[in-house]
PDB file of N, CA and C in Angstrom:
ATOM      1  N   MET A   1      12.207 -49.415  36.713  1.00  0.00           N
ATOM      2  CA  MET A   1      11.927 -50.405  35.695  1.00  0.00           C
ATOM      3  C   MET A   1      13.129 -51.317  35.471  1.00  0.00           C
ATOM      4  N   PHE A   2      14.325 -50.774  35.675  1.00  0.00           N
ATOM      5  CA  PHE A   2      15.522 -51.598  35.497  1.00  0.00           C
ATOM      6  C   PHE A   2      15.491 -52.785  36.455  1.00  0.00           C
ATOM      7  N   MET A   3      15.046 -52.544  37.701  1.00  0.00           N
ATOM      8  CA  MET A   3      14.989 -53.607  38.703  1.00  0.00           C
ATOM      9  C   MET A   3      13.840 -54.578  38.427  1.00  0.00           C
ATOM     10  N   LEU A   4      12.794 -54.109  37.764  1.00  0.00           N
ATOM     11  CA  LEU A   4      11.626 -54.950  37.499  1.00  0.00           C
ATOM     12  C   LEU A   4      11.711 -55.699  36.175  1.00  0.00           C
ATOM     13  N   GLU A   5      12.767 -55.466  35.405  1.00  0.00           N
ATOM     14  CA  GLU A   5      12.842 -56.075  34.074  1.00  0.00           C
ATOM     15  C   GLU A   5      12.842 -57.599  34.136  1.00  0.00           C
ATOM     16  N   ALA A   6      13.616 -58.177  35.029  1.00  0.00           N
ATOM     17  CA  ALA A   6      13.702 -59.643  35.093  1.00  0.00           C
ATOM     18  C   ALA A   6      12.359 -60.287  35.449  1.00  0.00           C
ATOM     19  N   PRO A   7      11.643 -59.807  36.495  1.00  0.00           N
ATOM     20  CA  PRO A   7      10.361 -60.454  36.798  1.00  0.00           C
ATOM     21  C   PRO A   7       9.278 -60.195  35.740  1.00  0.00           C
ATOM     22  N   LEU A   8       9.362 -59.072  35.040  1.00  0.00           N
ATOM     23  CA  LEU A   8       8.328 -58.738  34.054  1.00  0.00           C
ATOM     24  C   LEU A   8       8.633 -59.249  32.652  1.00  0.00           C
ATOM     25  N   LEU A   9       9.822 -59.800  32.424  1.00  0.00           N
ATOM     26  CA  LEU A   9      10.222 -60.243  31.088  1.00  0.00           C
ATOM     27  C   LEU A   9       9.251 -61.249  30.459  1.00  0.00           C
ATOM     28  N   PRO A  10       8.724 -62.231  31.204  1.00  0.00           N
ATOM     29  CA  PRO A  10       7.756 -63.148  30.573  1.00  0.00           C
ATOM     30  C   PRO A  10       6.500 -62.429  30.075  1.00  0.00           C
ATOM     31  N   TYR A  11       6.044 -61.428  30.818  1.00  0.00           N
ATOM     32  CA  TYR A  11       4.852 -60.684  30.397  1.00  0.00           C
ATOM     33  C   TYR A  11       5.157 -59.812  29.183  1.00  0.00           C
ATOM     34  N   TYR A  12       6.357 -59.244  29.128  1.00  0.00           N
ATOM     35  CA  TYR A  12       6.758 -58.470  27.952  1.00  0.00           C
ATOM     36  C   TYR A  12       6.740 -59.352  26.709  1.00  0.00           C
ATOM     37  N   ARG A  13       7.213 -60.587  26.851  1.00  0.00           N
ATOM     38  CA  ARG A  13       7.247 -61.501  25.699  1.00  0.00           C
ATOM     39  C   ARG A  13       5.841 -61.882  25.261  1.00  0.00           C
ATOM     40  N   ILE A  14       4.941 -62.094  26.217  1.00  0.00           N
ATOM     41  CA  ILE A  14       3.555 -62.428  25.871  1.00  0.00           C
ATOM     42  C   ILE A  14       2.920 -61.291  25.082  1.00  0.00           C
ATOM     43  N   LEU A  15       3.189 -60.059  25.496  1.00  0.00           N
ATOM     44  CA  LEU A  15       2.619 -58.890  24.824  1.00  0.00           C
ATOM     45  C   LEU A  15       3.446 -58.429  23.634  1.00  0.00           C
ATOM     46  N   LEU A  16       4.492 -59.172  23.293  1.00  0.00           N
ATOM     47  CA  LEU A  16       5.384 -58.853  22.170  1.00  0.00           C
ATOM     48  C   LEU A  16       6.027 -57.477  22.324  1.00  0.00           C
ATOM     49  N   LEU A  17       6.389 -57.124  23.547  1.00  0.00           N
ATOM     50  CA  LEU A  17       6.997 -55.822  23.801  1.00  0.00           C
ATOM     51  C   LEU A  17       8.514 -55.869  23.827  1.00  0.00           C
ATOM     52  N   GLU A  18       9.087 -57.054  23.974  1.00  0.00           N
ATOM     53  CA  GLU A  18      10.542 -57.131  24.070  1.00  0.00           C
ATOM     54  C   GLU A  18      11.012 -58.478  23.558  1.00  0.00           C
ATOM     55  N   GLY A  19      12.190 -58.468  22.996  1.00  0.00           N
ATOM     56  CA  GLY A  19      12.768 -59.705  22.482  1.00  0.00           C
ATOM     57  C   GLY A  19      13.475 -60.489  23.562  1.00  0.00           C
ATOM     58  N   ASP A  20      14.445 -61.275  23.159  1.00  0.00           N
ATOM     59  CA  ASP A  20      15.157 -62.144  24.090  1.00  0.00           C
ATOM     60  C   ASP A  20      16.287 -61.446  24.838  1.00  0.00           C
ATOM     61  N   ARG A  21      16.741 -60.316  24.334  1.00  0.00           N
ATOM     62  CA  ARG A  21      17.884 -59.684  24.993  1.00  0.00           C
ATOM     63  C   ARG A  21      17.417 -58.726  26.087  1.00  0.00           C
ATOM     64  N   ARG A  22      18.234 -58.608  27.124  1.00  0.00           N
ATOM     65  CA  ARG A  22      17.924 -57.690  28.218  1.00  0.00           C
ATOM     66  C   ARG A  22      18.567 -56.347  27.942  1.00  0.00           C
ATOM     67  N   LEU A  23      17.938 -55.304  28.426  1.00  0.00           N
ATOM     68  CA  LEU A  23      18.446 -53.951  28.227  1.00  0.00           C
ATOM     69  C   LEU A  23      19.319 -53.551  29.409  1.00  0.00           C
ATOM     70  N   GLY A  24      20.252 -52.645  29.150  1.00  0.00           N
ATOM     71  CA  GLY A  24      21.134 -52.178  30.201  1.00  0.00           C
ATOM     72  C   GLY A  24      20.589 -50.934  30.891  1.00  0.00           C
ATOM     73  N   LEU A  25      21.293 -50.507  31.925  1.00  0.00           N
ATOM     74  CA  LEU A  25      20.884 -49.331  32.691  1.00  0.00           C
ATOM     75  C   LEU A  25      20.906 -48.084  31.822  1.00  0.00           C
ATOM     76  N   ARG A  26      21.852 -47.978  30.906  1.00  0.00           N
ATOM     77  CA  ARG A  26      21.957 -46.816  30.025  1.00  0.00           C
ATOM     78  C   ARG A  26      20.685 -46.653  29.178  1.00  0.00           C
ATOM     79  N   SER A  27      20.135 -47.748  28.700  1.00  0.00           N
ATOM     80  CA  SER A  27      18.909 -47.692  27.900  1.00  0.00           C
ATOM     81  C   SER A  27      17.741 -47.164  28.723  1.00  0.00           C
ATOM     82  N   PHE A  28      17.636 -47.614  29.974  1.00  0.00           N
ATOM     83  CA  PHE A  28      16.554 -47.147  30.833  1.00  0.00           C
ATOM     84  C   PHE A  28      16.718 -45.671  31.186  1.00  0.00           C
ATOM     85  N   MET A  29      17.951 -45.230  31.400  1.00  0.00           N
ATOM     86  CA  MET A  29      18.189 -43.814  31.707  1.00  0.00           C
ATOM     87  C   MET A  29      17.829 -42.937  30.504  1.00  0.00           C
ATOM     88  N   ALA A  30      18.244 -43.345  29.313  1.00  0.00           N
ATOM     89  CA  ALA A  30      17.924 -42.577  28.103  1.00  0.00           C
ATOM     90  C   ALA A  30      16.420 -42.527  27.880  1.00  0.00           C
ATOM     91  N   ALA A  31      15.740 -43.647  28.090  1.00  0.00           N
ATOM     92  CA  ALA A  31      14.285 -43.675  27.924  1.00  0.00           C
ATOM     93  C   ALA A  31      13.597 -42.790  28.956  1.00  0.00           C
ATOM     94  N   GLY A  32      14.089 -42.782  30.180  1.00  0.00           N
ATOM     95  CA  GLY A  32      13.498 -41.950  31.225  1.00  0.00           C
ATOM     96  C   GLY A  32      13.653 -40.467  30.954  1.00  0.00           C
ATOM     97  N   VAL A  33      14.854 -40.057  30.562  1.00  0.00           N
ATOM     98  CA  VAL A  33      15.105 -38.635  30.285  1.00  0.00           C
ATOM     99  C   VAL A  33      14.329 -38.178  29.055  1.00  0.00           C
ATOM    100  N   SER A  34      14.412 -38.940  27.966  1.00  0.00           N
ATOM    101  CA  SER A  34      13.699 -38.533  26.748  1.00  0.00           C
ATOM    102  C   SER A  34      12.189 -38.596  26.955  1.00  0.00           C
ATOM    103  N   GLY A  35      11.706 -39.574  27.719  1.00  0.00           N
ATOM    104  CA  GLY A  35      10.271 -39.663  27.997  1.00  0.00           C
ATOM    105  C   GLY A  35       9.769 -38.483  28.809  1.00  0.00           C
ATOM    106  N   THR A  36      10.554 -38.036  29.783  1.00  0.00           N
ATOM    107  CA  THR A  36      10.162 -36.878  30.587  1.00  0.00           C
ATOM    108  C   THR A  36      10.093 -35.622  29.735  1.00  0.00           C
ATOM    109  N   ILE A  37      11.114 -35.393  28.931  1.00  0.00           N
ATOM    110  CA  ILE A  37      11.144 -34.197  28.076  1.00  0.00           C
ATOM    111  C   ILE A  37      10.004 -34.230  27.062  1.00  0.00           C
ATOM    112  N   LEU A  38       9.806 -35.365  26.403  1.00  0.00           N
ATOM    113  CA  LEU A  38       8.724 -35.467  25.417  1.00  0.00           C
ATOM    114  C   LEU A  38       7.353 -35.345  26.065  1.00  0.00           C
ATOM    115  N   HIS A  39       7.197 -35.867  27.269  1.00  0.00           N
ATOM    116  CA  HIS A  39       5.921 -35.759  27.976  1.00  0.00           C
ATOM    117  C   HIS A  39       5.577 -34.294  28.241  1.00  0.00           C
ATOM    118  N   ILE A  40       6.551 -33.541  28.687  1.00  0.00           N
ATOM    119  CA  ILE A  40       6.321 -32.115  28.942  1.00  0.00           C
ATOM    120  C   ILE A  40       5.999 -31.393  27.641  1.00  0.00           C
ATOM    121  N   LEU A  41       6.788 -31.647  26.595  1.00  0.00           N
ATOM    122  CA  LEU A  41       6.568 -30.957  25.321  1.00  0.00           C
ATOM    123  C   LEU A  41       5.234 -31.327  24.672  1.00  0.00           C
ATOM    124  N   LEU A  42       4.769 -32.549  24.864  1.00  0.00           N
ATOM    125  CA  LEU A  42       3.480 -32.940  24.294  1.00  0.00           C
ATOM    126  C   LEU A  42       2.302 -32.472  25.143  1.00  0.00           C
ATOM    127  N   ASP A  43       2.510 -32.285  26.448  1.00  0.00           N
ATOM    128  CA  ASP A  43       1.423 -31.815  27.307  1.00  0.00           C
ATOM    129  C   ASP A  43       1.204 -30.311  27.224  1.00  0.00           C
ATOM    130  N   VAL A  44       2.231 -29.559  26.863  1.00  0.00           N
ATOM    131  CA  VAL A  44       2.102 -28.094  26.806  1.00  0.00           C
ATOM    132  C   VAL A  44       0.987 -27.653  25.855  1.00  0.00           C
ATOM    133  N   PRO A  45       0.902 -28.171  24.624  1.00  0.00           N
ATOM    134  CA  PRO A  45      -0.194 -27.716  23.765  1.00  0.00           C
ATOM    135  C   PRO A  45      -1.555 -28.322  24.125  1.00  0.00           C
ATOM    136  N   LEU A  46      -1.588 -29.327  24.988  1.00  0.00           N
ATOM    137  CA  LEU A  46      -2.857 -29.968  25.337  1.00  0.00           C
ATOM    138  C   LEU A  46      -3.595 -29.267  26.469  1.00  0.00           C
ATOM    139  N   TYR A  47      -2.880 -28.790  27.464  1.00  0.00           N
ATOM    140  CA  TYR A  47      -3.516 -28.283  28.679  1.00  0.00           C
ATOM    141  C   TYR A  47      -3.198 -26.805  28.880  1.00  0.00           C
ATOM    142  N   SER A  48      -4.239 -26.050  29.196  1.00  0.00           N
ATOM    143  CA  SER A  48      -4.061 -24.601  29.356  1.00  0.00           C
ATOM    144  C   SER A  48      -3.409 -24.243  30.687  1.00  0.00           C
ATOM    145  N   ASP A  49      -3.476 -25.120  31.687  1.00  0.00           N
ATOM    146  CA  ASP A  49      -2.915 -24.790  32.997  1.00  0.00           C
ATOM    147  C   ASP A  49      -1.414 -25.054  33.105  1.00  0.00           C
ATOM    148  N   ILE A  50      -0.804 -25.649  32.112  1.00  0.00           N
ATOM    149  CA  ILE A  50       0.647 -25.859  32.128  1.00  0.00           C
ATOM    150  C   ILE A  50       1.315 -24.582  31.641  1.00  0.00           C
ATOM    151  N   ARG A  51       2.227 -24.069  32.454  1.00  0.00           N
ATOM    152  CA  ARG A  51       2.921 -22.819  32.110  1.00  0.00           C
ATOM    153  C   ARG A  51       4.386 -23.136  31.822  1.00  0.00           C
ATOM    154  N   LEU A  52       4.689 -23.339  30.556  1.00  0.00           N
ATOM    155  CA  LEU A  52       6.058 -23.634  30.166  1.00  0.00           C
ATOM    156  C   LEU A  52       6.955 -22.419  30.388  1.00  0.00           C
ATOM    157  N   PHE A  53       6.420 -21.232  30.104  1.00  0.00           N
ATOM    158  CA  PHE A  53       7.149 -19.971  30.324  1.00  0.00           C
ATOM    159  C   PHE A  53       6.557 -19.348  31.583  1.00  0.00           C
ATOM    160  N   TYR A  54       7.028 -19.753  32.759  1.00  0.00           N
ATOM    161  CA  TYR A  54       6.370 -19.509  34.038  1.00  0.00           C
ATOM    162  C   TYR A  54       5.869 -18.097  34.301  1.00  0.00           C
ATOM    163  N   PRO A  55       6.642 -17.056  34.158  1.00  0.00           N
ATOM    164  CA  PRO A  55       6.058 -15.752  34.520  1.00  0.00           C
ATOM    165  C   PRO A  55       4.842 -15.393  33.661  1.00  0.00           C
ATOM    166  N   ILE A  56       4.781 -15.911  32.461  1.00  0.00           N
ATOM    167  CA  ILE A  56       3.621 -15.642  31.612  1.00  0.00           C
ATOM    168  C   ILE A  56       2.471 -16.516  32.117  1.00  0.00           C
ATOM    169  N   ILE A  57       1.328 -15.894  32.389  1.00  0.00           N
ATOM    170  CA  ILE A  57       0.194 -16.611  32.977  1.00  0.00           C
ATOM    171  C   ILE A  57      -0.497 -17.519  31.962  1.00  0.00           C
ATOM    172  N   THR A  58      -0.612 -17.078  30.733  1.00  0.00           N
ATOM    173  CA  THR A  58      -1.307 -17.884  29.721  1.00  0.00           C
ATOM    174  C   THR A  58      -0.333 -18.845  29.036  1.00  0.00           C
ATOM    175  N   ASN A  59      -0.903 -19.810  28.361  1.00  0.00           N
ATOM    176  CA  ASN A  59      -0.104 -20.774  27.606  1.00  0.00           C
ATOM    177  C   ASN A  59      -0.253 -20.442  26.124  1.00  0.00           C
ATOM    178  N   PRO A  60       0.768 -19.832  25.519  1.00  0.00           N
ATOM    179  CA  PRO A  60       0.637 -19.432  24.113  1.00  0.00           C
ATOM    180  C   PRO A  60       0.677 -20.607  23.134  1.00  0.00           C
ATOM    181  N   LEU A  61       1.056 -21.781  23.596  1.00  0.00           N
ATOM    182  CA  LEU A  61       1.195 -22.931  22.703  1.00  0.00           C
ATOM    183  C   LEU A  61      -0.042 -23.829  22.661  1.00  0.00           C
ATOM    184  N   ILE A  62      -1.116 -23.444  23.378  1.00  0.00           N
ATOM    185  CA  ILE A  62      -2.298 -24.308  23.419  1.00  0.00           C
ATOM    186  C   ILE A  62      -2.957 -24.369  22.047  1.00  0.00           C
ATOM    187  N   SER A  63      -3.360 -25.568  21.672  1.00  0.00           N
ATOM    188  CA  SER A  63      -3.941 -25.760  20.350  1.00  0.00           C
ATOM    189  C   SER A  63      -4.913 -26.931  20.389  1.00  0.00           C
ATOM    190  N   LEU A  64      -6.048 -26.797  19.716  1.00  0.00           N
ATOM    191  CA  LEU A  64      -7.003 -27.897  19.623  1.00  0.00           C
ATOM    192  C   LEU A  64      -6.581 -28.906  18.565  1.00  0.00           C
ATOM    193  N   LEU A  65      -5.702 -28.490  17.669  1.00  0.00           N
ATOM    194  CA  LEU A  65      -5.229 -29.377  16.616  1.00  0.00           C
ATOM    195  C   LEU A  65      -4.478 -30.579  17.195  1.00  0.00           C
ATOM    196  N   ILE A  66      -3.808 -30.371  18.314  1.00  0.00           N
ATOM    197  CA  ILE A  66      -3.021 -31.452  18.912  1.00  0.00           C
ATOM    198  C   ILE A  66      -3.914 -32.577  19.418  1.00  0.00           C
ATOM    199  N   ASN A  67      -5.144 -32.262  19.852  1.00  0.00           N
ATOM    200  CA  ASN A  67      -6.059 -33.317  20.314  1.00  0.00           C
ATOM    201  C   ASN A  67      -6.396 -34.277  19.176  1.00  0.00           C
ATOM    202  N   GLY A  68      -6.673 -33.741  18.010  1.00  0.00           N
ATOM    203  CA  GLY A  68      -6.943 -34.586  16.846  1.00  0.00           C
ATOM    204  C   GLY A  68      -5.735 -35.421  16.466  1.00  0.00           C
ATOM    205  N   PHE A  69      -4.555 -34.808  16.549  1.00  0.00           N
ATOM    206  CA  PHE A  69      -3.329 -35.546  16.241  1.00  0.00           C
ATOM    207  C   PHE A  69      -3.114 -36.689  17.225  1.00  0.00           C
ATOM    208  N   CYS A  70      -3.389 -36.457  18.511  1.00  0.00           N
ATOM    209  CA  CYS A  70      -3.214 -37.512  19.518  1.00  0.00           C
ATOM    210  C   CYS A  70      -4.163 -38.682  19.256  1.00  0.00           C
ATOM    211  N   ILE A  71      -5.399 -38.383  18.897  1.00  0.00           N
ATOM    212  CA  ILE A  71      -6.357 -39.447  18.582  1.00  0.00           C
ATOM    213  C   ILE A  71      -5.895 -40.213  17.348  1.00  0.00           C
ATOM    214  N   PHE A  72      -5.472 -39.495  16.317  1.00  0.00           N
ATOM    215  CA  PHE A  72      -4.995 -40.125  15.087  1.00  0.00           C
ATOM    216  C   PHE A  72      -3.774 -41.003  15.358  1.00  0.00           C
ATOM    217  N   ALA A  73      -2.809 -40.487  16.117  1.00  0.00           N
ATOM    218  CA  ALA A  73      -1.595 -41.250  16.423  1.00  0.00           C
ATOM    219  C   ALA A  73      -1.923 -42.491  17.254  1.00  0.00           C
ATOM    220  N   GLY A  74      -2.880 -42.371  18.169  1.00  0.00           N
ATOM    221  CA  GLY A  74      -3.293 -43.525  18.961  1.00  0.00           C
ATOM    222  C   GLY A  74      -3.913 -44.617  18.107  1.00  0.00           C
ATOM    223  N   ILE A  75      -4.769 -44.220  17.167  1.00  0.00           N
ATOM    224  CA  ILE A  75      -5.403 -45.195  16.269  1.00  0.00           C
ATOM    225  C   ILE A  75      -4.355 -45.871  15.390  1.00  0.00           C
ATOM    226  N   VAL A  76      -3.424 -45.084  14.848  1.00  0.00           N
ATOM    227  CA  VAL A  76      -2.357 -45.654  14.015  1.00  0.00           C
ATOM    228  C   VAL A  76      -1.497 -46.617  14.837  1.00  0.00           C
ATOM    229  N   GLY A  77      -1.178 -46.250  16.071  1.00  0.00           N
ATOM    230  CA  GLY A  77      -0.389 -47.124  16.936  1.00  0.00           C
ATOM    231  C   GLY A  77      -1.092 -48.438  17.232  1.00  0.00           C
ATOM    232  N   ILE A  78      -2.392 -48.377  17.481  1.00  0.00           N
ATOM    233  CA  ILE A  78      -3.162 -49.599  17.735  1.00  0.00           C
ATOM    234  C   ILE A  78      -3.176 -50.486  16.496  1.00  0.00           C
ATOM    235  N   ILE A  79      -3.361 -49.886  15.322  1.00  0.00           N
ATOM    236  CA  ILE A  79      -3.370 -50.657  14.070  1.00  0.00           C
ATOM    237  C   ILE A  79      -2.018 -51.331  13.842  1.00  0.00           C
ATOM    238  N   ILE A  80      -0.937 -50.603  14.066  1.00  0.00           N
ATOM    239  CA  ILE A  80       0.405 -51.176  13.887  1.00  0.00           C
ATOM    240  C   ILE A  80       0.636 -52.318  14.876  1.00  0.00           C
ATOM    241  N   TYR A  81       0.252 -52.129  16.131  1.00  0.00           N
ATOM    242  CA  TYR A  81       0.444 -53.166  17.147  1.00  0.00           C
ATOM    243  C   TYR A  81      -0.350 -54.424  16.803  1.00  0.00           C
ATOM    244  N   ILE A  82      -1.606 -54.247  16.392  1.00  0.00           N
ATOM    245  CA  ILE A  82      -2.435 -55.403  16.033  1.00  0.00           C
ATOM    246  C   ILE A  82      -1.861 -56.109  14.805  1.00  0.00           C
ATOM    247  N   THR A  83      -1.398 -55.335  13.816  1.00  0.00           N
ATOM    248  CA  THR A  83      -0.818 -55.932  12.610  1.00  0.00           C
ATOM    249  C   THR A  83       0.413 -56.767  12.947  1.00  0.00           C
ATOM    250  N   ILE A  84       1.299 -56.229  13.756  1.00  0.00           N
ATOM    251  CA  ILE A  84       2.506 -56.962  14.144  1.00  0.00           C
ATOM    252  C   ILE A  84       2.138 -58.206  14.957  1.00  0.00           C
ATOM    253  N   SER A  85       1.168 -58.082  15.860  1.00  0.00           N
ATOM    254  CA  SER A  85       0.752 -59.225  16.674  1.00  0.00           C
ATOM    255  C   SER A  85       0.153 -60.332  15.820  1.00  0.00           C
ATOM    256  N   VAL A  86      -0.716 -59.961  14.877  1.00  0.00           N
ATOM    257  CA  VAL A  86      -1.344 -60.964  14.016  1.00  0.00           C
ATOM    258  C   VAL A  86      -0.299 -61.634  13.131  1.00  0.00           C
ATOM    259  N   TYR A  87       0.618 -60.858  12.568  1.00  0.00           N
ATOM    260  CA  TYR A  87       1.659 -61.442  11.716  1.00  0.00           C
ATOM    261  C   TYR A  87       2.559 -62.383  12.514  1.00  0.00           C
ATOM    262  N   THR A  88       2.926 -61.992  13.731  1.00  0.00           N
ATOM    263  CA  THR A  88       3.769 -62.845  14.563  1.00  0.00           C
ATOM    264  C   THR A  88       3.050 -64.143  14.910  1.00  0.00           C
ATOM    265  N   LEU A  89       1.769 -64.048  15.247  1.00  0.00           N
ATOM    266  CA  LEU A  89       0.987 -65.244  15.541  1.00  0.00           C
ATOM    267  C   LEU A  89       0.874 -66.133  14.307  1.00  0.00           C
ATOM    268  N   TYR A  90       0.654 -65.526  13.141  1.00  0.00           N
ATOM    269  CA  TYR A  90       0.569 -66.282  11.886  1.00  0.00           C
ATOM    270  C   TYR A  90       1.888 -67.004  11.597  1.00  0.00           C
ATOM    271  N   ALA A  91       3.006 -66.301  11.755  1.00  0.00           N
ATOM    272  CA  ALA A  91       4.315 -66.912  11.494  1.00  0.00           C
ATOM    273  C   ALA A  91       4.584 -68.053  12.474  1.00  0.00           C
ATOM    274  N   TRP A  92       4.207 -67.872  13.720  1.00  0.00           N
ATOM    275  CA  TRP A  92       4.406 -68.918  14.722  1.00  0.00           C
ATOM    276  C   TRP A  92       3.559 -70.145  14.396  1.00  0.00           C
ATOM    277  N   MET A  93       2.282 -69.927  14.053  1.00  0.00           N
ATOM    278  CA  MET A  93       1.401 -71.050  13.718  1.00  0.00           C
ATOM    279  C   MET A  93       1.871 -71.758  12.448  1.00  0.00           C
ATOM    280  N   ARG A  94       2.349 -70.995  11.485  1.00  0.00           N
ATOM    281  CA  ARG A  94       2.839 -71.582  10.236  1.00  0.00           C
ATOM    282  C   ARG A  94       4.070 -72.454  10.490  1.00  0.00           C
ATOM    283  N   SER A  95       4.979 -71.968  11.341  1.00  0.00           N
ATOM    284  CA  SER A  95       6.171 -72.768  11.641  1.00  0.00           C
ATOM    285  C   SER A  95       5.791 -74.033  12.411  1.00  0.00           C
ATOM    286  N   LYS A  96       4.821 -73.931  13.316  1.00  0.00           N
ATOM    287  CA  LYS A  96       4.359 -75.112  14.046  1.00  0.00           C
ATOM    288  C   LYS A  96       3.729 -76.114  13.086  1.00  0.00           C
ATOM    289  N   TYR A  97       2.912 -75.629  12.146  1.00  0.00           N
ATOM    290  CA  TYR A  97       2.252 -76.505  11.178  1.00  0.00           C
ATOM    291  C   TYR A  97       3.284 -77.191  10.294  1.00  0.00           C
ATOM    292  N   ARG A  98       4.259 -76.419   9.822  1.00  0.00           N
ATOM    293  CA  ARG A  98       5.289 -77.004   8.951  1.00  0.00           C
ATOM    294  C   ARG A  98       6.107 -78.057   9.683  1.00  0.00           C
ATOM    295  N   SER A  99       6.462 -77.777  10.935  1.00  0.00           N
ATOM    296  CA  SER A  99       7.264 -78.757  11.678  1.00  0.00           C
ATOM    297  C   SER A  99       6.444 -80.010  11.967  1.00  0.00           C
ATOM    298  N   SER A 100       5.160 -79.858  12.290  1.00  0.00           N
ATOM    299  CA  SER A 100       4.342 -81.047  12.543  1.00  0.00           C
ATOM    300  C   SER A 100       4.100 -81.820  11.251  1.00  0.00           C
ATOM    301  N   LEU A 101       3.923 -81.121  10.130  1.00  0.00           N
ATOM    302  CA  LEU A 101       3.753 -81.792   8.843  1.00  0.00           C
ATOM    303  C   LEU A 101       5.027 -82.543   8.460  1.00  0.00           C
ATOM    304  N   ARG A 102       6.177 -81.920   8.685  1.00  0.00           N
ATOM    305  CA  ARG A 102       7.457 -82.558   8.394  1.00  0.00           C
ATOM    306  C   ARG A 102       7.630 -83.827   9.235  1.00  0.00           C
ATOM    307  N   ASN A 103       7.281 -83.737  10.515  1.00  0.00           N
ATOM    308  CA  ASN A 103       7.382 -84.910  11.393  1.00  0.00           C
ATOM    309  C   ASN A 103       6.435 -86.018  10.939  1.00  0.00           C
ATOM    310  N   TYR A 104       5.242 -85.643  10.518  1.00  0.00           N
ATOM    311  CA  TYR A 104       4.276 -86.635  10.039  1.00  0.00           C
ATOM    312  C   TYR A 104       4.795 -87.345   8.791  1.00  0.00           C
ATOM    313  N   LEU A 105       5.358 -86.570   7.863  1.00  0.00           N
ATOM    314  CA  LEU A 105       5.871 -87.177   6.632  1.00  0.00           C
ATOM    315  C   LEU A 105       7.048 -88.104   6.909  1.00  0.00           C
ATOM    316  N   LYS A 106       7.909 -87.729   7.850  1.00  0.00           N
ATOM    317  CA  LYS A 106       9.029 -88.601   8.218  1.00  0.00           C
ATOM    318  C   LYS A 106       8.514 -89.905   8.823  1.00  0.00           C
ATOM    319  N   MET A 107       7.512 -89.779   9.697  1.00  0.00           N
ATOM    320  CA  MET A 107       6.956 -90.960  10.331  1.00  0.00           C
ATOM    321  C   MET A 107       6.276 -91.861   9.288  1.00  0.00           C
ATOM    322  N   GLU A 108       5.590 -91.255   8.338  1.00  0.00           N
ATOM    323  CA  GLU A 108       4.924 -92.023   7.288  1.00  0.00           C
ATOM    324  C   GLU A 108       5.944 -92.787   6.439  1.00  0.00           C
ATOM    325  N   GLN A 109       7.074 -92.159   6.147  1.00  0.00           N
ATOM    326  CA  GLN A 109       8.111 -92.835   5.366  1.00  0.00           C
ATOM    327  C   GLN A 109       8.676 -94.031   6.128  1.00  0.00           C
ATOM    328  N   ARG A 110       8.830 -93.903   7.427  1.00  0.00           N
ATOM    329  CA  ARG A 110       9.338 -95.015   8.228  1.00  0.00           C
ATOM    330  C   ARG A 110       8.372 -96.197   8.188  1.00  0.00           C
ATOM    331  N   PHE A 111       7.083 -95.896   8.310  1.00  0.00           N
ATOM    332  CA  PHE A 111       6.101 -96.978   8.316  1.00  0.00           C
ATOM    333  C   PHE A 111       5.893 -97.569   6.923  1.00  0.00           C
ATOM    334  N   ARG A 112       6.127 -96.803   5.887  1.00  0.00           N
ATOM    335  CA  ARG A 112       6.010 -97.311   4.528  1.00  0.00           C
ATOM    336  C   ARG A 112       7.056 -98.402   4.267  1.00  0.00           C
ATOM    337  N   PHE A 113       8.179 -98.274   4.925  1.00  0.00           N
ATOM    338  CA  PHE A 113       9.236 -99.269   4.784  1.00  0.00           C
ATOM    339  C   PHE A 113       8.761-100.641   5.271  1.00  0.00           C
ATOM    340  N   PHE A 114       7.942-100.615   6.341  1.00  0.00           N
ATOM    341  CA  PHE A 114       7.451-101.859   6.919  1.00  0.00           C
ATOM    342  C   PHE A 114       6.141-102.339   6.294  1.00  0.00           C
ATOM    343  N   ALA A 115       5.555-101.546   5.421  1.00  0.00           N
ATOM    344  CA  ALA A 115       4.251-101.908   4.844  1.00  0.00           C
ATOM    345  C   ALA A 115       4.377-103.118   3.936  1.00  0.00           C
ATOM    346  N   VAL A 116       3.362-103.939   3.975  1.00  0.00           N
ATOM    347  CA  VAL A 116       3.311-105.137   3.137  1.00  0.00           C
ATOM    348  C   VAL A 116       2.409-104.838   1.955  1.00  0.00           C
ATOM    349  N   ASP A 117       2.892-105.097   0.749  1.00  0.00           N
ATOM    350  CA  ASP A 117       2.087-104.827  -0.451  1.00  0.00           C
ATOM    351  C   ASP A 117       1.224-105.990  -0.816  1.00  0.00           C
TER     352      ASP A 117
END
């Protein structure tokens, strides 16, 4: 991903996934290591065939409660993403409207100077 960051940066900005600054190699390494560890820890209670404690054949950490939590967390994540996207779009449109209104008022003042009463 470190090598693909530059070509994918425009798409990240469209999806509001990243700001203007580029990340360093250290950030990608930390994300990779923590993502791997968290992936394993979150998959252990989901799937019965994952053996975290290898000699033990069964998975003592399996739980159906985690499935409900995953669905709930996914819904909350989607709501947060949509909220941030809508607010960002609203702020962008508002700034565009204000700048165009400001330009219109400036232009109107210039032409008022030349108006004949």
